[in-house]
Amino acid sequence: MDDIQVGLIGYGPAGQFFHGPLVHATPGLRLAAVVTRNPERAAEVERKYGAAAVPDAETLFPRCDLVVVASPNRTHVPLATEALASGLPVVVDKPLAATAEEATRLVALAKERNLLLTVFQNRRWDGDFLTLRALLEEGRLGRVARFESRFERWRPRPKGGWRESGGAQEVGGLLYDLGSHLVDQALQLFGPVRTVYAESDARREGVGSDDDTFVALTHDSGVRSHLWMSAVTGRLGPRFRVLGSTGAYVKYGLDVQEDRLRAGATPDQPGFGDEPQDRWGLLGTDDAARPLPTAPGAYLAFYRGVESALRDGGPAPVDPAGVVEALKVIEAARLSSLQGMLTHLG
């Protein structure tokens, strides 16, 4: 069968290091066109993928069967709306929208048009997350009481750009950037949230949105999730620390796939998602803990799921309805940090 022609809007870090390589490596998909006005990026997409560089979405739409929106956050909703209204299925990079209300309208439009809408929540296919999910499904931690999850960095000098310098109108800051992953993972593991408490600050000079945020969730299941996202952490904490009635799982270091994509590795090569043994997490207690092999990371599973959904009518790899629930939590966290109080959901 003919390849599904993919049009990518945006060739910044998300398009260059994630969507471009993953689409290119997925059987049945072909990166046909990319929206970029940067001459160097245009030359790269033509050389690397044989894709056409085009100036805008209107030029892109007639060239493709699927649109991937990887442009700045504030453009996600208008571009996804335009694509769906043009009869095209859409992948949107996270965050899907600034608000749950905007996201709900997108979901309704996709349903009305009978079109695929899905969200690139690639961290559902991190190796450590897959490992933890398997531990929970097998009951190897007993009853979980507390889930700690961190995306921390040491960047005392801002890099610049809209993610850091822009205000709320840019949908920037770490709560929407890294928090979109952390909240999504917590909901995937432990279900709906009852209460939200957050502390959010802009610590570095010249930064216009949050760069140091903490979010505490109480799930309906009784689990408490503590989530940290920061650019000003001089000593990094564990990526995961999960405390259960029969033991704990503690894991340091981020999944290896992003670094390998940035280094130019192809995501379909053997061992791409494998983590070296010295980075495995520990399972057990202080009296008896042992290294636990990390499951291979599998970012390609997302676009393989997209291809299957379009080709065979299977489910979307990420149900946007679940992303709407995560946005409700993020909005509640913003409100909590502004008011300095606990926010209740539902």
Protein backbone atom coordinates (compact mmCIF):
# COMPACT_ATOMS: atom_id res chain seq x y z
CA MET A 1 0.00 0.00 0.00
CA ASP A 2 1.11 3.59 -0.56
CA ASP A 3 2.86 5.38 2.29
CA ILE A 4 0.89 7.88 4.34
CA GLN A 5 2.24 11.32 3.43
CA VAL A 6 3.10 13.29 6.57
CA GLY A 7 3.30 17.06 6.81
CA LEU A 8 5.27 18.49 9.74
CA ILE A 9 4.60 22.03 10.96
CA GLY A 10 7.69 23.26 12.76
CA TYR A 11 11.31 22.16 12.64
CA GLY A 12 12.64 23.41 15.96
CA PRO A 13 13.93 20.89 18.52
CA ALA A 14 10.64 18.94 18.62
CA GLY A 15 10.49 18.56 14.85
CA GLN A 16 14.20 18.11 14.29
CA PHE A 17 15.03 15.64 17.04
CA PHE A 18 11.74 13.83 17.63
CA HIS A 19 9.05 13.97 14.95
CA GLY A 20 11.28 14.03 11.88
CA PRO A 21 13.43 10.99 12.80
CA LEU A 22 10.50 9.01 14.25
CA VAL A 23 8.23 9.54 11.24
CA HIS A 24 11.09 8.71 8.88
CA ALA A 25 11.80 5.44 10.72
CA THR A 26 8.16 4.27 10.82
CA PRO A 27 7.15 1.81 8.06
CA GLY A 28 4.14 3.08 6.14
CA LEU A 29 4.82 6.76 6.85
CA ARG A 30 6.75 9.20 4.67
CA LEU A 31 7.78 12.69 5.69
CA ALA A 32 6.61 14.60 2.63
CA ALA A 33 6.75 18.27 3.61
CA VAL A 34 7.94 20.48 6.48
CA VAL A 35 6.92 24.04 7.30
CA THR A 36 10.09 26.06 7.91
CA ARG A 37 11.37 29.37 6.61
CA ASN A 38 14.89 28.84 7.92
CA PRO A 39 17.15 28.17 4.89
CA GLU A 40 19.49 25.84 6.79
CA ARG A 41 16.61 23.79 8.19
CA ALA A 42 14.96 23.71 4.78
CA ALA A 43 18.16 22.32 3.26
CA GLU A 44 18.38 19.72 6.04
CA VAL A 45 14.86 18.33 5.59
CA GLU A 46 15.36 18.09 1.83
CA ARG A 47 18.74 16.38 2.19
CA LYS A 48 17.89 14.11 5.11
CA TYR A 49 14.33 13.08 4.29
CA GLY A 50 13.69 14.10 0.70
CA ALA A 51 10.90 16.29 2.05
CA ALA A 52 9.78 19.59 0.59
CA ALA A 53 10.30 22.71 2.68
CA VAL A 54 7.21 24.93 2.49
CA PRO A 55 6.50 28.38 3.95
CA ASP A 56 3.16 27.84 5.70
CA ALA A 57 0.41 25.43 6.69
CA GLU A 58 -1.82 26.38 3.76
CA THR A 59 0.88 25.20 1.35
CA LEU A 60 1.46 22.07 3.43
CA PHE A 61 -2.10 20.74 3.70
CA PRO A 62 -2.61 19.73 0.03
CA ARG A 63 0.65 17.75 0.13
CA CYS A 64 -0.18 15.42 3.03
CA ASP A 65 -2.51 12.82 4.51
CA LEU A 66 -1.52 13.53 8.12
CA VAL A 67 -0.48 16.77 9.84
CA VAL A 68 1.97 16.89 12.76
CA VAL A 69 1.85 20.15 14.74
CA ALA A 70 5.23 20.77 16.40
CA SER A 71 5.21 24.56 16.32
CA PRO A 72 5.26 26.92 19.35
CA ASN A 73 2.66 26.04 22.00
CA ARG A 74 0.41 29.05 21.40
CA THR A 75 -0.16 27.86 17.80
CA HIS A 76 -1.20 24.28 18.62
CA VAL A 77 -4.92 24.91 18.86
CA PRO A 78 -5.37 27.17 15.80
CA LEU A 79 -3.22 24.97 13.56
CA ALA A 80 -4.84 21.72 14.72
CA THR A 81 -8.27 23.29 14.24
CA GLU A 82 -7.36 24.40 10.72
CA ALA A 83 -6.04 20.94 9.82
CA LEU A 84 -9.12 19.14 11.15
CA ALA A 85 -11.41 21.61 9.37
CA SER A 86 -9.49 20.76 6.17
CA GLY A 87 -10.29 17.06 6.64
CA LEU A 88 -6.83 15.99 7.84
CA PRO A 89 -5.99 13.82 10.86
CA VAL A 90 -3.63 15.46 13.33
CA VAL A 91 -0.80 14.67 15.75
CA VAL A 92 -0.18 17.55 18.17
CA ASP A 93 2.95 17.87 20.25
CA LYS A 94 2.36 18.39 23.97
CA PRO A 95 0.80 20.44 25.42
CA LEU A 96 -2.31 19.94 23.31
CA ALA A 97 -3.71 23.30 24.46
CA ALA A 98 -3.44 25.94 27.16
CA THR A 99 -6.75 24.95 28.72
CA ALA A 100 -8.93 21.89 29.03
CA GLU A 101 -11.78 23.85 27.43
CA GLU A 102 -9.75 24.48 24.26
CA ALA A 103 -8.65 20.85 24.17
CA THR A 104 -12.24 19.64 24.60
CA ARG A 105 -13.31 21.68 21.59
CA LEU A 106 -10.53 20.10 19.51
CA VAL A 107 -11.57 16.60 20.60
CA ALA A 108 -15.19 17.39 19.68
CA LEU A 109 -14.17 18.71 16.24
CA ALA A 110 -12.13 15.59 15.51
CA LYS A 111 -15.04 13.38 16.56
CA GLU A 112 -17.48 15.42 14.45
CA ARG A 113 -15.20 15.06 11.39
CA ASN A 114 -14.42 11.40 12.19
CA LEU A 115 -10.70 12.18 12.12
CA LEU A 116 -7.78 10.99 14.20
CA LEU A 117 -6.55 13.44 16.85
CA THR A 118 -3.74 12.29 19.10
CA VAL A 119 -1.04 13.91 21.26
CA PHE A 120 2.69 13.21 21.28
CA GLN A 121 3.07 12.12 24.91
CA ASN A 122 6.28 10.27 24.10
CA ARG A 123 7.30 9.84 27.75
CA ARG A 124 4.72 7.05 28.03
CA TRP A 125 7.34 5.05 26.14
CA ASP A 126 10.33 5.93 28.34
CA GLY A 127 12.07 2.77 29.47
CA ASP A 128 11.85 3.64 33.17
CA PHE A 129 8.13 4.41 32.89
CA LEU A 130 7.50 1.10 31.12
CA THR A 131 9.49 -0.65 33.85
CA LEU A 132 7.49 1.01 36.61
CA ARG A 133 4.18 0.29 34.92
CA ALA A 134 5.10 -3.41 34.73
CA LEU A 135 6.09 -3.42 38.41
CA LEU A 136 2.71 -1.98 39.36
CA GLU A 137 0.77 -4.36 37.12
CA GLU A 138 2.62 -7.30 38.69
CA GLY A 139 2.02 -6.00 42.23
CA ARG A 140 5.72 -6.10 43.09
CA LEU A 141 5.61 -2.94 45.21
CA GLY A 142 2.48 -3.88 47.13
CA ARG A 143 0.14 -0.98 47.84
CA VAL A 144 1.74 2.26 46.65
CA ALA A 145 1.54 5.20 49.04
CA ARG A 146 3.78 7.80 47.38
CA PHE A 147 5.04 8.47 43.87
CA GLU A 148 7.90 10.94 43.35
CA SER A 149 8.79 12.01 39.83
CA ARG A 150 11.32 14.60 38.66
CA PHE A 151 12.44 16.38 35.53
CA GLU A 152 15.26 18.54 36.89
CA ARG A 153 18.10 20.37 35.17
CA TRP A 154 20.91 22.73 36.06
CA ARG A 155 20.64 25.70 33.72
CA PRO A 156 21.52 28.79 35.78
CA ARG A 157 21.68 30.89 32.60
CA PRO A 158 18.49 31.00 30.54
CA LYS A 159 18.75 29.75 26.97
CA GLY A 160 16.29 32.37 25.75
CA GLY A 161 13.37 31.84 23.42
CA TRP A 162 9.62 31.84 23.94
CA ARG A 163 9.55 28.88 26.35
CA GLU A 164 11.44 30.92 28.97
CA SER A 165 10.91 34.57 28.10
CA GLY A 166 7.25 34.46 27.07
CA GLY A 167 4.39 34.89 29.49
CA ALA A 168 1.09 33.07 29.73
CA GLN A 169 0.16 34.04 26.16
CA GLU A 170 2.99 31.80 24.89
CA VAL A 171 1.86 28.80 26.99
CA GLY A 172 5.48 28.63 28.13
CA GLY A 173 7.18 27.61 31.35
CA LEU A 174 8.04 24.26 32.87
CA LEU A 175 4.55 23.44 34.15
CA TYR A 176 3.31 23.17 30.56
CA ASP A 177 6.59 21.84 29.16
CA LEU A 178 7.91 19.17 31.53
CA GLY A 179 4.77 19.16 33.65
CA SER A 180 2.76 17.88 30.68
CA HIS A 181 4.84 14.70 30.90
CA LEU A 182 4.94 14.37 34.68
CA VAL A 183 1.21 14.90 35.20
CA ASP A 184 0.36 12.59 32.30
CA GLN A 185 2.53 9.81 33.70
CA ALA A 186 1.04 10.18 37.19
CA LEU A 187 -2.50 9.93 35.81
CA GLN A 188 -1.58 6.94 33.67
CA LEU A 189 -0.17 5.09 36.68
CA PHE A 190 -2.51 6.06 39.50
CA GLY A 191 -5.71 7.40 37.96
CA PRO A 192 -7.90 10.46 38.54
CA VAL A 193 -6.89 13.28 40.86
CA ARG A 194 -8.90 14.67 43.78
CA THR A 195 -6.77 17.60 44.97
CA VAL A 196 -3.87 19.66 43.62
CA TYR A 197 -1.34 21.82 45.44
CA ALA A 198 1.47 23.66 43.62
CA GLU A 199 4.36 26.03 44.19
CA SER A 200 5.64 27.77 41.07
CA ASP A 201 8.38 30.38 40.67
CA ALA A 202 10.49 32.17 38.07
CA ARG A 203 13.91 32.02 39.75
CA ARG A 204 16.30 33.26 37.07
CA GLU A 205 16.67 36.86 35.98
CA GLY A 206 15.03 37.61 32.65
CA VAL A 207 12.73 34.60 32.72
CA GLY A 208 9.06 35.40 32.15
CA SER A 209 7.52 32.04 33.07
CA ASP A 210 8.02 29.37 35.71
CA ASP A 211 11.38 27.61 35.86
CA ASP A 212 11.02 25.94 39.26
CA THR A 213 7.72 24.22 40.07
CA PHE A 214 6.46 21.58 42.51
CA VAL A 215 3.07 19.89 42.23
CA ALA A 216 1.43 17.60 44.79
CA LEU A 217 -1.50 15.44 43.70
CA THR A 218 -3.84 13.30 45.76
CA HIS A 219 -5.37 10.60 43.58
CA ASP A 220 -8.80 9.07 44.13
CA SER A 221 -6.90 5.82 44.76
CA GLY A 222 -5.22 7.39 47.80
CA VAL A 223 -1.76 7.56 46.20
CA ARG A 224 0.05 10.88 46.63
CA SER A 225 2.15 12.04 43.68
CA HIS A 226 4.90 14.61 44.21
CA LEU A 227 6.20 16.09 40.96
CA TRP A 228 9.22 18.38 40.53
CA MET A 229 10.21 20.29 37.39
CA SER A 230 13.12 22.69 37.58
CA ALA A 231 15.91 24.38 35.63
CA VAL A 232 17.79 25.44 38.77
CA THR A 233 18.65 22.13 40.45
CA GLY A 234 22.38 21.90 41.16
CA ARG A 235 22.10 18.32 42.48
CA LEU A 236 19.51 16.19 40.72
CA GLY A 237 17.12 13.99 42.66
CA PRO A 238 15.92 10.56 41.52
CA ARG A 239 13.88 10.43 38.35
CA PHE A 240 11.46 8.08 40.15
CA ARG A 241 11.08 7.13 43.79
CA VAL A 242 8.03 4.95 44.35
CA LEU A 243 7.21 3.79 47.87
CA GLY A 244 4.98 0.76 48.36
CA SER A 245 3.93 -1.50 51.23
CA THR A 246 6.40 -4.25 50.25
CA GLY A 247 9.31 -2.18 48.95
CA ALA A 248 10.41 0.70 46.76
CA TYR A 249 11.70 1.42 43.27
CA VAL A 250 14.31 4.18 42.92
CA LYS A 251 15.67 5.22 39.54
CA TYR A 252 18.14 7.97 38.64
CA GLY A 253 18.77 9.50 35.23
CA LEU A 254 16.56 10.25 32.24
CA ASP A 255 15.58 7.82 29.53
CA VAL A 256 18.35 7.43 26.94
CA GLN A 257 16.27 7.95 23.79
CA GLU A 258 16.26 11.76 23.67
CA ASP A 259 20.05 12.01 23.98
CA ARG A 260 20.47 9.41 21.26
CA LEU A 261 18.07 11.21 18.92
CA ARG A 262 19.90 14.49 19.51
CA ALA A 263 23.18 12.73 18.75
CA GLY A 264 21.82 11.58 15.40
CA ALA A 265 21.06 7.93 16.17
CA THR A 266 18.26 6.37 14.13
CA PRO A 267 15.37 5.14 16.29
CA ASP A 268 14.92 1.86 14.41
CA GLN A 269 18.47 0.64 14.92
CA PRO A 270 18.99 -2.37 17.24
CA GLY A 271 19.41 -1.41 20.89
CA PHE A 272 18.27 2.18 20.37
CA GLY A 273 16.13 2.19 23.54
CA ASP A 274 18.35 -0.04 25.68
CA GLU A 275 19.76 1.44 28.86
CA PRO A 276 23.23 0.47 30.17
CA GLN A 277 23.34 -1.59 33.34
CA ASP A 278 25.00 1.13 35.40
CA ARG A 279 21.82 3.23 35.02
CA TRP A 280 19.33 0.59 36.15
CA GLY A 281 17.10 1.39 39.10
CA LEU A 282 17.02 -0.42 42.44
CA LEU A 283 14.07 -2.51 43.62
CA GLY A 284 13.53 -3.52 47.25
CA THR A 285 14.49 -1.93 50.58
CA ASP A 286 17.70 -0.66 52.17
CA ASP A 287 18.14 -4.11 53.70
CA ALA A 288 17.67 -5.96 50.43
CA ALA A 289 17.74 -4.05 47.15
CA ARG A 290 18.82 -5.31 43.77
CA PRO A 291 19.32 -3.68 40.36
CA LEU A 292 16.31 -4.05 38.07
CA PRO A 293 16.89 -4.04 34.30
CA THR A 294 15.18 -1.10 32.62
CA ALA A 295 12.75 -2.07 29.87
CA PRO A 296 13.81 -0.85 26.42
CA GLY A 297 12.42 2.58 25.61
CA ALA A 298 10.12 2.59 22.60
CA TYR A 299 9.32 6.03 21.17
CA LEU A 300 8.72 4.44 17.75
CA ALA A 301 5.65 2.74 19.24
CA PHE A 302 3.83 6.07 19.11
CA TYR A 303 4.11 6.58 15.36
CA ARG A 304 3.59 2.89 14.69
CA GLY A 305 0.34 3.34 16.59
CA VAL A 306 -0.54 6.38 14.48
CA GLU A 307 0.11 4.44 11.26
CA SER A 308 -2.02 1.52 12.49
CA ALA A 309 -4.87 3.81 13.55
CA LEU A 310 -4.97 5.47 10.12
CA ARG A 311 -4.44 2.29 8.12
CA ASP A 312 -6.55 -0.20 10.06
CA GLY A 313 -8.86 1.95 12.17
CA GLY A 314 -7.16 0.99 15.43
CA PRO A 315 -7.18 3.18 18.55
CA ALA A 316 -5.07 6.32 18.77
CA PRO A 317 -1.78 5.70 20.57
CA VAL A 318 -2.72 8.51 22.99
CA ASP A 319 -6.41 9.17 23.65
CA PRO A 320 -6.81 12.97 23.69
CA ALA A 321 -9.59 12.65 26.28
CA GLY A 322 -6.95 11.59 28.81
CA VAL A 323 -4.86 14.61 27.87
CA VAL A 324 -7.85 16.84 28.62
CA GLU A 325 -7.87 15.42 32.17
CA ALA A 326 -4.16 16.19 32.52
CA LEU A 327 -4.78 19.78 31.40
CA LYS A 328 -7.42 20.14 34.12
CA VAL A 329 -4.73 19.18 36.63
CA ILE A 330 -2.24 21.65 35.13
CA GLU A 331 -4.82 24.44 35.26
CA ALA A 332 -5.59 23.55 38.88
CA ALA A 333 -1.86 23.66 39.65
CA ARG A 334 -1.57 27.16 38.14
CA LEU A 335 -4.51 28.32 40.24
CA SER A 336 -3.08 26.74 43.37
CA SER A 337 0.32 28.39 42.90
CA LEU A 338 -1.31 31.80 42.35
CA GLN A 339 -3.63 31.55 45.35
CA GLY A 340 -1.33 29.58 47.66
CA MET A 341 -4.03 27.06 48.48
CA LEU A 342 -5.20 23.53 47.81
CA THR A 343 -7.37 23.16 44.68
CA HIS A 344 -10.12 20.53 44.46
CA LEU A 345 -11.11 18.77 41.24
CA GLY A 346 -14.39 17.11 40.37
